[in-house]
PDB file of N, CA and C in Angstrom:
ATOM      1  N   MET A   1       0.770  -1.209   0.002  1.00  0.00           N
ATOM      2  CA  MET A   1       0.001  -0.006   0.005  1.00  0.00           C
ATOM      3  C   MET A   1       0.821   1.268   0.002  1.00  0.00           C
ATOM      4  N   PRO A   2       1.946   1.336   0.681  1.00  0.00           N
ATOM      5  CA  PRO A   2       2.705   2.572   0.651  1.00  0.00           C
ATOM      6  C   PRO A   2       3.140   2.969  -0.762  1.00  0.00           C
ATOM      7  N   GLU A   3       3.304   1.980  -1.643  1.00  0.00           N
ATOM      8  CA  GLU A   3       3.719   2.321  -3.009  1.00  0.00           C
ATOM      9  C   GLU A   3       2.603   3.042  -3.754  1.00  0.00           C
ATOM     10  N   ILE A   4       1.364   2.620  -3.546  1.00  0.00           N
ATOM     11  CA  ILE A   4       0.238   3.270  -4.194  1.00  0.00           C
ATOM     12  C   ILE A   4       0.091   4.713  -3.670  1.00  0.00           C
ATOM     13  N   ARG A   5       0.247   4.859  -2.385  1.00  0.00           N
ATOM     14  CA  ARG A   5       0.170   6.211  -1.794  1.00  0.00           C
ATOM     15  C   ARG A   5       1.257   7.110  -2.369  1.00  0.00           C
ATOM     16  N   GLU A   6       2.454   6.569  -2.546  1.00  0.00           N
ATOM     17  CA  GLU A   6       3.532   7.363  -3.143  1.00  0.00           C
ATOM     18  C   GLU A   6       3.226   7.742  -4.603  1.00  0.00           C
ATOM     19  N   GLU A   7       2.630   6.826  -5.345  1.00  0.00           N
ATOM     20  CA  GLU A   7       2.289   7.093  -6.730  1.00  0.00           C
ATOM     21  C   GLU A   7       1.194   8.170  -6.799  1.00  0.00           C
ATOM     22  N   ILE A   8       0.224   8.122  -5.894  1.00  0.00           N
ATOM     23  CA  ILE A   8      -0.809   9.158  -5.859  1.00  0.00           C
ATOM     24  C   ILE A   8      -0.218  10.509  -5.514  1.00  0.00           C
ATOM     25  N   MET A   9       0.696  10.554  -4.609  1.00  0.00           N
ATOM     26  CA  MET A   9       1.354  11.827  -4.267  1.00  0.00           C
ATOM     27  C   MET A   9       2.155  12.385  -5.453  1.00  0.00           C
ATOM     28  N   ILE A  10       2.781  11.489  -6.186  1.00  0.00           N
ATOM     29  CA  ILE A  10       3.511  11.920  -7.394  1.00  0.00           C
ATOM     30  C   ILE A  10       2.510  12.517  -8.399  1.00  0.00           C
ATOM     31  N   PHE A  11       1.353  11.859  -8.560  1.00  0.00           N
ATOM     32  CA  PHE A  11       0.332  12.341  -9.494  1.00  0.00           C
ATOM     33  C   PHE A  11      -0.136  13.739  -9.061  1.00  0.00           C
ATOM     34  N   PHE A  12      -0.415  13.947  -7.778  1.00  0.00           N
ATOM     35  CA  PHE A  12      -0.881  15.239  -7.303  1.00  0.00           C
ATOM     36  C   PHE A  12       0.217  16.291  -7.436  1.00  0.00           C
ATOM     37  N   THR A  13       1.474  15.903  -7.257  1.00  0.00           N
ATOM     38  CA  THR A  13       2.602  16.827  -7.516  1.00  0.00           C
ATOM     39  C   THR A  13       2.638  17.218  -8.961  1.00  0.00           C
ATOM     40  N   ALA A  14       2.315  16.283  -9.845  1.00  0.00           N
ATOM     41  CA  ALA A  14       2.313  16.589 -11.281  1.00  0.00           C
ATOM     42  C   ALA A  14       1.163  17.550 -11.617  1.00  0.00           C
ATOM     43  N   VAL A  15       0.013  17.349 -10.987  1.00  0.00           N
ATOM     44  CA  VAL A  15      -1.131  18.248 -11.207  1.00  0.00           C
ATOM     45  C   VAL A  15      -0.757  19.666 -10.751  1.00  0.00           C
ATOM     46  N   LEU A  16      -0.098  19.748  -9.616  1.00  0.00           N
ATOM     47  CA  LEU A  16       0.336  21.050  -9.112  1.00  0.00           C
ATOM     48  C   LEU A  16       1.379  21.671 -10.015  1.00  0.00           C
ATOM     49  N   THR A  17       2.259  20.868 -10.566  1.00  0.00           N
ATOM     50  CA  THR A  17       3.264  21.386 -11.518  1.00  0.00           C
ATOM     51  C   THR A  17       2.584  21.971 -12.749  1.00  0.00           C
ATOM     52  N   GLY A  18       1.622  21.291 -13.281  1.00  0.00           N
ATOM     53  CA  GLY A  18       0.898  21.806 -14.437  1.00  0.00           C
ATOM     54  C   GLY A  18       0.188  23.117 -14.149  1.00  0.00           C
ATOM     55  N   ALA A  19      -0.432  23.181 -12.961  1.00  0.00           N
ATOM     56  CA  ALA A  19      -1.152  24.394 -12.552  1.00  0.00           C
ATOM     57  C   ALA A  19      -0.168  25.559 -12.362  1.00  0.00           C
ATOM     58  N   VAL A  20       0.982  25.287 -11.789  1.00  0.00           N
ATOM     59  CA  VAL A  20       1.972  26.339 -11.615  1.00  0.00           C
ATOM     60  C   VAL A  20       2.472  26.879 -12.958  1.00  0.00           C
ATOM     61  N   LEU A  21       2.759  25.947 -13.880  1.00  0.00           N
ATOM     62  CA  LEU A  21       3.248  26.386 -15.200  1.00  0.00           C
ATOM     63  C   LEU A  21       2.183  27.155 -15.930  1.00  0.00           C
ATOM     64  N   ARG A  22       0.955  26.754 -15.859  1.00  0.00           N
ATOM     65  CA  ARG A  22      -0.142  27.489 -16.526  1.00  0.00           C
ATOM     66  C   ARG A  22      -0.359  28.855 -15.905  1.00  0.00           C
ATOM     67  N   THR A  23      -0.287  28.908 -14.574  1.00  0.00           N
ATOM     68  CA  THR A  23      -0.469  30.174 -13.876  1.00  0.00           C
ATOM     69  C   THR A  23       0.647  31.163 -14.231  1.00  0.00           C
ATOM     70  N   ALA A  24       1.861  30.657 -14.311  1.00  0.00           N
ATOM     71  CA  ALA A  24       2.991  31.523 -14.646  1.00  0.00           C
ATOM     72  C   ALA A  24       2.809  32.083 -16.067  1.00  0.00           C
ATOM     73  N   TYR A  25       2.365  31.264 -17.016  1.00  0.00           N
ATOM     74  CA  TYR A  25       2.173  31.771 -18.348  1.00  0.00           C
ATOM     75  C   TYR A  25       0.989  32.744 -18.401  1.00  0.00           C
ATOM     76  N   ARG A  26      -0.036  32.518 -17.602  1.00  0.00           N
ATOM     77  CA  ARG A  26      -1.173  33.464 -17.529  1.00  0.00           C
ATOM     78  C   ARG A  26      -0.735  34.811 -16.981  1.00  0.00           C
ATOM     79  N   CYS A  27       0.215  34.773 -16.023  1.00  0.00           N
ATOM     80  CA  CYS A  27       0.767  36.023 -15.487  1.00  0.00           C
ATOM     81  C   CYS A  27       1.511  36.797 -16.562  1.00  0.00           C
ATOM     82  N   ILE A  28       2.256  36.092 -17.377  1.00  0.00           N
ATOM     83  CA  ILE A  28       2.952  36.716 -18.503  1.00  0.00           C
ATOM     84  C   ILE A  28       1.983  37.332 -19.471  1.00  0.00           C
ATOM     85  N   SER A  29       0.908  36.613 -19.795  1.00  0.00           N
ATOM     86  CA  SER A  29      -0.064  37.152 -20.744  1.00  0.00           C
ATOM     87  C   SER A  29      -0.809  38.364 -20.153  1.00  0.00           C
ATOM     88  N   CYS A  30      -1.072  38.363 -18.841  1.00  0.00           N
ATOM     89  CA  CYS A  30      -1.642  39.552 -18.221  1.00  0.00           C
ATOM     90  C   CYS A  30      -0.716  40.756 -18.319  1.00  0.00           C
ATOM     91  N   LEU A  31       0.544  40.507 -18.087  1.00  0.00           N
ATOM     92  CA  LEU A  31       1.549  41.572 -18.234  1.00  0.00           C
ATOM     93  C   LEU A  31       1.541  42.142 -19.654  1.00  0.00           C
ATOM     94  N   ARG A  32       1.390  41.254 -20.637  1.00  0.00           N
ATOM     95  CA  ARG A  32       1.310  41.713 -22.050  1.00  0.00           C
ATOM     96  C   ARG A  32       0.055  42.540 -22.304  1.00  0.00           C
ATOM     97  N   GLU A  33      -1.036  42.262 -21.617  1.00  0.00           N
ATOM     98  CA  GLU A  33      -2.254  43.056 -21.788  1.00  0.00           C
ATOM     99  C   GLU A  33      -2.086  44.445 -21.171  1.00  0.00           C
ATOM    100  N   TRP A  34      -1.397  44.532 -20.075  1.00  0.00           N
ATOM    101  CA  TRP A  34      -1.206  45.808 -19.405  1.00  0.00           C
ATOM    102  C   TRP A  34      -0.202  46.704 -20.123  1.00  0.00           C
ATOM    103  N   ILE A  35       0.910  46.070 -20.545  1.00  0.00           N
ATOM    104  CA  ILE A  35       1.986  46.814 -21.198  1.00  0.00           C
ATOM    105  C   ILE A  35       2.173  46.224 -22.570  1.00  0.00           C
ATOM    106  N   ARG A  36       2.033  47.082 -23.592  1.00  0.00           N
ATOM    107  CA  ARG A  36       2.238  46.625 -24.961  1.00  0.00           C
ATOM    108  C   ARG A  36       3.701  46.305 -25.188  1.00  0.00           C
ATOM    109  N   HIS A  37       3.910  45.170 -25.891  1.00  0.00           N
ATOM    110  CA  HIS A  37       5.268  44.699 -26.152  1.00  0.00           C
ATOM    111  C   HIS A  37       5.522  44.636 -27.665  1.00  0.00           C
ATOM    112  N   GLU A  38       6.737  44.819 -28.030  1.00  0.00           N
ATOM    113  CA  GLU A  38       7.141  44.586 -29.404  1.00  0.00           C
ATOM    114  C   GLU A  38       7.179  43.078 -29.640  1.00  0.00           C
ATOM    115  N   PRO A  39       7.038  42.651 -30.871  1.00  0.00           N
ATOM    116  CA  PRO A  39       7.098  41.216 -31.143  1.00  0.00           C
ATOM    117  C   PRO A  39       8.391  40.522 -30.698  1.00  0.00           C
ATOM    118  N   VAL A  40       9.487  41.233 -30.801  1.00  0.00           N
ATOM    119  CA  VAL A  40      10.781  40.665 -30.331  1.00  0.00           C
ATOM    120  C   VAL A  40      10.754  40.424 -28.831  1.00  0.00           C
ATOM    121  N   ALA A  41      10.175  41.355 -28.088  1.00  0.00           N
ATOM    122  CA  ALA A  41      10.133  41.224 -26.636  1.00  0.00           C
ATOM    123  C   ALA A  41       9.201  40.059 -26.253  1.00  0.00           C
ATOM    124  N   ILE A  42       8.112  39.886 -27.005  1.00  0.00           N
ATOM    125  CA  ILE A  42       7.199  38.743 -26.723  1.00  0.00           C
ATOM    126  C   ILE A  42       7.922  37.444 -26.982  1.00  0.00           C
ATOM    127  N   GLU A  43       8.666  37.373 -28.086  1.00  0.00           N
ATOM    128  CA  GLU A  43       9.411  36.156 -28.387  1.00  0.00           C
ATOM    129  C   GLU A  43      10.474  35.860 -27.325  1.00  0.00           C
ATOM    130  N   LEU A  44      11.131  36.859 -26.819  1.00  0.00           N
ATOM    131  CA  LEU A  44      12.139  36.671 -25.777  1.00  0.00           C
ATOM    132  C   LEU A  44      11.477  36.227 -24.474  1.00  0.00           C
ATOM    133  N   GLU A  45      10.330  36.838 -24.144  1.00  0.00           N
ATOM    134  CA  GLU A  45       9.606  36.387 -22.944  1.00  0.00           C
ATOM    135  C   GLU A  45       9.215  34.939 -23.043  1.00  0.00           C
ATOM    136  N   ASP A  46       8.695  34.543 -24.222  1.00  0.00           N
ATOM    137  CA  ASP A  46       8.314  33.147 -24.425  1.00  0.00           C
ATOM    138  C   ASP A  46       9.516  32.224 -24.347  1.00  0.00           C
ATOM    139  N   LEU A  47      10.619  32.638 -24.917  1.00  0.00           N
ATOM    140  CA  LEU A  47      11.831  31.846 -24.873  1.00  0.00           C
ATOM    141  C   LEU A  47      12.302  31.627 -23.420  1.00  0.00           C
ATOM    142  N   PHE A  48      12.303  32.681 -22.626  1.00  0.00           N
ATOM    143  CA  PHE A  48      12.735  32.553 -21.239  1.00  0.00           C
ATOM    144  C   PHE A  48      11.736  31.746 -20.439  1.00  0.00           C
ATOM    145  N   TYR A  49      10.441  31.930 -20.728  1.00  0.00           N
ATOM    146  CA  TYR A  49       9.422  31.120 -20.033  1.00  0.00           C
ATOM    147  C   TYR A  49       9.634  29.648 -20.305  1.00  0.00           C
ATOM    148  N   TRP A  50       9.794  29.273 -21.585  1.00  0.00           N
ATOM    149  CA  TRP A  50       9.916  27.855 -21.910  1.00  0.00           C
ATOM    150  C   TRP A  50      11.203  27.258 -21.376  1.00  0.00           C
ATOM    151  N   ILE A  51      12.259  28.015 -21.338  1.00  0.00           N
ATOM    152  CA  ILE A  51      13.500  27.541 -20.734  1.00  0.00           C
ATOM    153  C   ILE A  51      13.301  27.291 -19.232  1.00  0.00           C
ATOM    154  N   ALA A  52      12.697  28.299 -18.558  1.00  0.00           N
ATOM    155  CA  ALA A  52      12.433  28.131 -17.135  1.00  0.00           C
ATOM    156  C   ALA A  52      11.445  27.017 -16.881  1.00  0.00           C
ATOM    157  N   ALA A  53      10.416  26.884 -17.677  1.00  0.00           N
ATOM    158  CA  ALA A  53       9.419  25.840 -17.527  1.00  0.00           C
ATOM    159  C   ALA A  53      10.024  24.456 -17.721  1.00  0.00           C
ATOM    160  N   SER A  54      10.923  24.343 -18.680  1.00  0.00           N
ATOM    161  CA  SER A  54      11.540  23.010 -18.892  1.00  0.00           C
ATOM    162  C   SER A  54      12.459  22.647 -17.732  1.00  0.00           C
ATOM    163  N   ILE A  55      13.168  23.621 -17.210  1.00  0.00           N
ATOM    164  CA  ILE A  55      14.021  23.357 -16.038  1.00  0.00           C
ATOM    165  C   ILE A  55      13.183  22.946 -14.845  1.00  0.00           C
ATOM    166  N   TYR A  56      12.075  23.720 -14.590  1.00  0.00           N
ATOM    167  CA  TYR A  56      11.191  23.401 -13.479  1.00  0.00           C
ATOM    168  C   TYR A  56      10.572  22.012 -13.666  1.00  0.00           C
ATOM    169  N   PHE A  57      10.130  21.688 -14.859  1.00  0.00           N
ATOM    170  CA  PHE A  57       9.534  20.403 -15.181  1.00  0.00           C
ATOM    171  C   PHE A  57      10.579  19.279 -14.954  1.00  0.00           C
ATOM    172  N   PHE A  58      11.803  19.488 -15.411  1.00  0.00           N
ATOM    173  CA  PHE A  58      12.839  18.484 -15.213  1.00  0.00           C
ATOM    174  C   PHE A  58      13.116  18.254 -13.738  1.00  0.00           C
ATOM    175  N   VAL A  59      13.206  19.353 -12.998  1.00  0.00           N
ATOM    176  CA  VAL A  59      13.485  19.224 -11.530  1.00  0.00           C
ATOM    177  C   VAL A  59      12.348  18.469 -10.841  1.00  0.00           C
ATOM    178  N   GLN A  60      11.109  18.757 -11.220  1.00  0.00           N
ATOM    179  CA  GLN A  60       9.992  18.073 -10.604  1.00  0.00           C
ATOM    180  C   GLN A  60      10.038  16.567 -10.939  1.00  0.00           C
ATOM    181  N   ILE A  61      10.322  16.224 -12.176  1.00  0.00           N
ATOM    182  CA  ILE A  61      10.407  14.807 -12.536  1.00  0.00           C
ATOM    183  C   ILE A  61      11.552  14.161 -11.782  1.00  0.00           C
ATOM    184  N   TYR A  62      12.677  14.849 -11.704  1.00  0.00           N
ATOM    185  CA  TYR A  62      13.827  14.283 -11.030  1.00  0.00           C
ATOM    186  C   TYR A  62      13.571  14.007  -9.569  1.00  0.00           C
ATOM    187  N   HIS A  63      12.910  14.958  -8.875  1.00  0.00           N
ATOM    188  CA  HIS A  63      12.674  14.817  -7.457  1.00  0.00           C
ATOM    189  C   HIS A  63      11.539  13.816  -7.167  1.00  0.00           C
ATOM    190  N   THR A  64      10.536  13.757  -8.006  1.00  0.00           N
ATOM    191  CA  THR A  64       9.401  12.890  -7.676  1.00  0.00           C
ATOM    192  C   THR A  64       9.590  11.455  -8.109  1.00  0.00           C
ATOM    193  N   SER A  65      10.190  11.261  -9.270  1.00  0.00           N
ATOM    194  CA  SER A  65      10.294   9.876  -9.781  1.00  0.00           C
ATOM    195  C   SER A  65      11.732   9.513 -10.215  1.00  0.00           C
ATOM    196  N   ASP A  66      12.699  10.163  -9.627  1.00  0.00           N
ATOM    197  CA  ASP A  66      14.129   9.855  -9.879  1.00  0.00           C
ATOM    198  C   ASP A  66      14.480   9.932 -11.348  1.00  0.00           C
ATOM    199  N   GLY A  67      13.882  10.877 -12.051  1.00  0.00           N
ATOM    200  CA  GLY A  67      14.201  11.115 -13.458  1.00  0.00           C
ATOM    201  C   GLY A  67      13.500  10.194 -14.448  1.00  0.00           C
ATOM    202  N   VAL A  68      12.682   9.310 -13.983  1.00  0.00           N
ATOM    203  CA  VAL A  68      11.942   8.429 -14.887  1.00  0.00           C
ATOM    204  C   VAL A  68      10.649   9.143 -15.289  1.00  0.00           C
ATOM    205  N   ILE A  69      10.457   9.272 -16.592  1.00  0.00           N
ATOM    206  CA  ILE A  69       9.219   9.909 -17.064  1.00  0.00           C
ATOM    207  C   ILE A  69       8.118   8.858 -17.074  1.00  0.00           C
ATOM    208  N   ARG A  70       7.134   9.114 -16.266  1.00  0.00           N
ATOM    209  CA  ARG A  70       5.996   8.197 -16.197  1.00  0.00           C
ATOM    210  C   ARG A  70       4.792   8.886 -16.873  1.00  0.00           C
ATOM    211  N   TRP A  71       3.982   8.088 -17.523  1.00  0.00           N
ATOM    212  CA  TRP A  71       2.844   8.617 -18.261  1.00  0.00           C
ATOM    213  C   TRP A  71       1.845   9.333 -17.361  1.00  0.00           C
ATOM    214  N   TYR A  72       1.658   8.828 -16.159  1.00  0.00           N
ATOM    215  CA  TYR A  72       0.694   9.476 -15.289  1.00  0.00           C
ATOM    216  C   TYR A  72       1.229  10.813 -14.786  1.00  0.00           C
ATOM    217  N   PHE A  73       2.540  11.003 -14.812  1.00  0.00           N
ATOM    218  CA  PHE A  73       3.096  12.314 -14.460  1.00  0.00           C
ATOM    219  C   PHE A  73       2.744  13.306 -15.570  1.00  0.00           C
ATOM    220  N   ILE A  74       2.934  12.879 -16.832  1.00  0.00           N
ATOM    221  CA  ILE A  74       2.574  13.751 -17.930  1.00  0.00           C
ATOM    222  C   ILE A  74       1.065  14.066 -17.936  1.00  0.00           C
ATOM    223  N   LEU A  75       0.252  13.046 -17.657  1.00  0.00           N
ATOM    224  CA  LEU A  75      -1.188  13.219 -17.562  1.00  0.00           C
ATOM    225  C   LEU A  75      -1.536  14.201 -16.447  1.00  0.00           C
ATOM    226  N   GLY A  76      -0.874  14.095 -15.316  1.00  0.00           N
ATOM    227  CA  GLY A  76      -1.112  14.997 -14.219  1.00  0.00           C
ATOM    228  C   GLY A  76      -0.764  16.424 -14.547  1.00  0.00           C
ATOM    229  N   VAL A  77       0.337  16.634 -15.270  1.00  0.00           N
ATOM    230  CA  VAL A  77       0.709  17.986 -15.656  1.00  0.00           C
ATOM    231  C   VAL A  77      -0.348  18.579 -16.600  1.00  0.00           C
ATOM    232  N   VAL A  78      -0.787  17.796 -17.549  1.00  0.00           N
ATOM    233  CA  VAL A  78      -1.823  18.263 -18.483  1.00  0.00           C
ATOM    234  C   VAL A  78      -3.117  18.602 -17.708  1.00  0.00           C
ATOM    235  N   LEU A  79      -3.531  17.678 -16.826  1.00  0.00           N
ATOM    236  CA  LEU A  79      -4.751  17.937 -16.040  1.00  0.00           C
ATOM    237  C   LEU A  79      -4.609  19.181 -15.161  1.00  0.00           C
ATOM    238  N   GLY A  80      -3.451  19.380 -14.603  1.00  0.00           N
ATOM    239  CA  GLY A  80      -3.208  20.576 -13.771  1.00  0.00           C
ATOM    240  C   GLY A  80      -3.328  21.857 -14.614  1.00  0.00           C
ATOM    241  N   ALA A  81      -2.802  21.834 -15.807  1.00  0.00           N
ATOM    242  CA  ALA A  81      -2.876  23.019 -16.696  1.00  0.00           C
ATOM    243  C   ALA A  81      -4.336  23.220 -17.120  1.00  0.00           C
ATOM    244  N   VAL A  82      -5.073  22.150 -17.401  1.00  0.00           N
ATOM    245  CA  VAL A  82      -6.481  22.292 -17.776  1.00  0.00           C
ATOM    246  C   VAL A  82      -7.295  22.815 -16.596  1.00  0.00           C
ATOM    247  N   PHE A  83      -7.062  22.291 -15.413  1.00  0.00           N
ATOM    248  CA  PHE A  83      -7.789  22.795 -14.218  1.00  0.00           C
ATOM    249  C   PHE A  83      -7.504  24.286 -14.007  1.00  0.00           C
ATOM    250  N   ALA A  84      -6.253  24.703 -14.182  1.00  0.00           N
ATOM    251  CA  ALA A  84      -5.921  26.108 -14.000  1.00  0.00           C
ATOM    252  C   ALA A  84      -6.617  26.945 -15.049  1.00  0.00           C
ATOM    253  N   SER A  85      -6.675  26.471 -16.300  1.00  0.00           N
ATOM    254  CA  SER A  85      -7.357  27.242 -17.344  1.00  0.00           C
ATOM    255  C   SER A  85      -8.843  27.378 -17.042  1.00  0.00           C
ATOM    256  N   VAL A  86      -9.478  26.263 -16.603  1.00  0.00           N
ATOM    257  CA  VAL A  86     -10.888  26.337 -16.253  1.00  0.00           C
ATOM    258  C   VAL A  86     -11.106  27.285 -15.078  1.00  0.00           C
ATOM    259  N   PHE A  87     -10.227  27.260 -14.111  1.00  0.00           N
ATOM    260  CA  PHE A  87     -10.327  28.151 -12.954  1.00  0.00           C
ATOM    261  C   PHE A  87     -10.208  29.594 -13.395  1.00  0.00           C
ATOM    262  N   PHE A  88      -9.301  29.918 -14.296  1.00  0.00           N
ATOM    263  CA  PHE A  88      -9.148  31.293 -14.785  1.00  0.00           C
ATOM    264  C   PHE A  88     -10.409  31.730 -15.569  1.00  0.00           C
ATOM    265  N   GLY A  89     -10.995  30.786 -16.293  1.00  0.00           N
ATOM    266  CA  GLY A  89     -12.255  31.084 -17.017  1.00  0.00           C
ATOM    267  C   GLY A  89     -13.361  31.429 -16.045  1.00  0.00           C
ATOM    268  N   TRP A  90     -13.476  30.646 -14.979  1.00  0.00           N
ATOM    269  CA  TRP A  90     -14.513  30.909 -13.936  1.00  0.00           C
ATOM    270  C   TRP A  90     -14.262  32.305 -13.302  1.00  0.00           C
ATOM    271  N   MET A  91     -13.026  32.571 -12.997  1.00  0.00           N
ATOM    272  CA  MET A  91     -12.704  33.817 -12.358  1.00  0.00           C
ATOM    273  C   MET A  91     -13.013  35.021 -13.292  1.00  0.00           C
ATOM    274  N   LYS A  92     -12.775  34.837 -14.588  1.00  0.00           N
ATOM    275  CA  LYS A  92     -13.057  35.888 -15.526  1.00  0.00           C
ATOM    276  C   LYS A  92     -14.540  36.146 -15.595  1.00  0.00           C
ATOM    277  N   LYS A  93     -15.359  35.084 -15.648  1.00  0.00           N
ATOM    278  CA  LYS A  93     -16.807  35.213 -15.657  1.00  0.00           C
ATOM    279  C   LYS A  93     -17.305  35.878 -14.371  1.00  0.00           C
ATOM    280  N   LEU A  94     -16.756  35.475 -13.251  1.00  0.00           N
ATOM    281  CA  LEU A  94     -17.146  36.032 -11.968  1.00  0.00           C
ATOM    282  C   LEU A  94     -16.793  37.530 -11.909  1.00  0.00           C
ATOM    283  N   HIS A  95     -15.620  37.860 -12.373  1.00  0.00           N
ATOM    284  CA  HIS A  95     -15.212  39.280 -12.380  1.00  0.00           C
ATOM    285  C   HIS A  95     -16.126  40.080 -13.286  1.00  0.00           C
ATOM    286  N   LYS A  96     -16.460  39.528 -14.429  1.00  0.00           N
ATOM    287  CA  LYS A  96     -17.325  40.231 -15.374  1.00  0.00           C
ATOM    288  C   LYS A  96     -18.704  40.444 -14.746  1.00  0.00           C
ATOM    289  N   LYS A  97     -19.220  39.413 -14.079  1.00  0.00           N
ATOM    290  CA  LYS A  97     -20.517  39.511 -13.453  1.00  0.00           C
ATOM    291  C   LYS A  97     -20.519  40.545 -12.332  1.00  0.00           C
ATOM    292  N   ILE A  98     -19.529  40.544 -11.492  1.00  0.00           N
ATOM    293  CA  ILE A  98     -19.420  41.493 -10.399  1.00  0.00           C
ATOM    294  C   ILE A  98     -19.210  42.895 -10.917  1.00  0.00           C
ATOM    295  N   TYR A  99     -18.340  43.048 -11.921  1.00  0.00           N
ATOM    296  CA  TYR A  99     -18.041  44.357 -12.448  1.00  0.00           C
ATOM    297  C   TYR A  99     -19.265  44.970 -13.108  1.00  0.00           C
ATOM    298  N   THR A 100     -19.989  44.196 -13.924  1.00  0.00           N
ATOM    299  CA  THR A 100     -21.174  44.766 -14.602  1.00  0.00           C
ATOM    300  C   THR A 100     -22.272  45.068 -13.589  1.00  0.00           C
ATOM    301  N   ARG A 101     -22.426  44.240 -12.558  1.00  0.00           N
ATOM    302  CA  ARG A 101     -23.462  44.510 -11.560  1.00  0.00           C
ATOM    303  C   ARG A 101     -23.112  45.770 -10.788  1.00  0.00           C
ATOM    304  N   SER A 102     -21.870  45.920 -10.367  1.00  0.00           N
ATOM    305  CA  SER A 102     -21.489  47.125  -9.589  1.00  0.00           C
ATOM    306  C   SER A 102     -21.487  48.342 -10.473  1.00  0.00           C
ATOM    307  N   HIS A 103     -21.165  48.155 -11.746  1.00  0.00           N
ATOM    308  CA  HIS A 103     -21.163  49.299 -12.679  1.00  0.00           C
ATOM    309  C   HIS A 103     -22.617  49.770 -12.923  1.00  0.00           C
ATOM    310  N   LYS A 104     -23.572  48.852 -13.039  1.00  0.00           N
ATOM    311  CA  LYS A 104     -24.964  49.211 -13.199  1.00  0.00           C
ATOM    312  C   LYS A 104     -25.476  49.918 -11.961  1.00  0.00           C
ATOM    313  N   ASP A 105     -25.127  49.420 -10.744  1.00  0.00           N
ATOM    314  CA  ASP A 105     -25.570  50.061  -9.534  1.00  0.00           C
ATOM    315  C   ASP A 105     -24.990  51.476  -9.412  1.00  0.00           C
ATOM    316  N   PHE A 106     -23.795  51.657  -9.883  1.00  0.00           N
ATOM    317  CA  PHE A 106     -23.141  52.954  -9.787  1.00  0.00           C
ATOM    318  C   PHE A 106     -23.822  53.957 -10.726  1.00  0.00           C
ATOM    319  N   THR A 107     -24.225  53.507 -11.903  1.00  0.00           N
ATOM    320  CA  THR A 107     -24.880  54.457 -12.834  1.00  0.00           C
ATOM    321  C   THR A 107     -26.320  54.740 -12.448  1.00  0.00           C
ATOM    322  N   LYS A 108     -26.966  53.886 -11.674  1.00  0.00           N
ATOM    323  CA  LYS A 108     -28.338  54.145 -11.224  1.00  0.00           C
ATOM    324  C   LYS A 108     -28.389  55.259 -10.144  1.00  0.00           C
ATOM    325  N   ASN A 109     -27.359  55.289  -9.305  1.00  0.00           N
ATOM    326  CA  ASN A 109     -27.357  56.275  -8.178  1.00  0.00           C
ATOM    327  C   ASN A 109     -26.294  57.330  -8.448  1.00  0.00           C
ATOM    328  N   PRO A 110     -26.633  58.387  -9.230  1.00  0.00           N
ATOM    329  CA  PRO A 110     -25.608  59.408  -9.504  1.00  0.00           C
ATOM    330  C   PRO A 110     -25.367  60.317  -8.339  1.00  0.00           C
TER     331      PRO A 110
END
């Protein structure tokens, strides 16, 4: 049984890894929305992100499964990224709903 528990913890670590990578890229995209970038700057940001993401991914694989790439680890990373994307979608809808409601209330009471 301890082996199954260890495998489940590795899977949850993989889900967290995917969520962290997706959140980091979402932060970069938010920065791009606030501050306009030249195409060269966007390409450099992407290059540095993917280099950092690959190092982070390698370190996580190395620490959790001694460098052995397991399919459930890859699946966990993908699921973590999908969960983070769905979460950001929910937050965007919630923000839009709150913002439009408060904006309507503000215009009603001048």
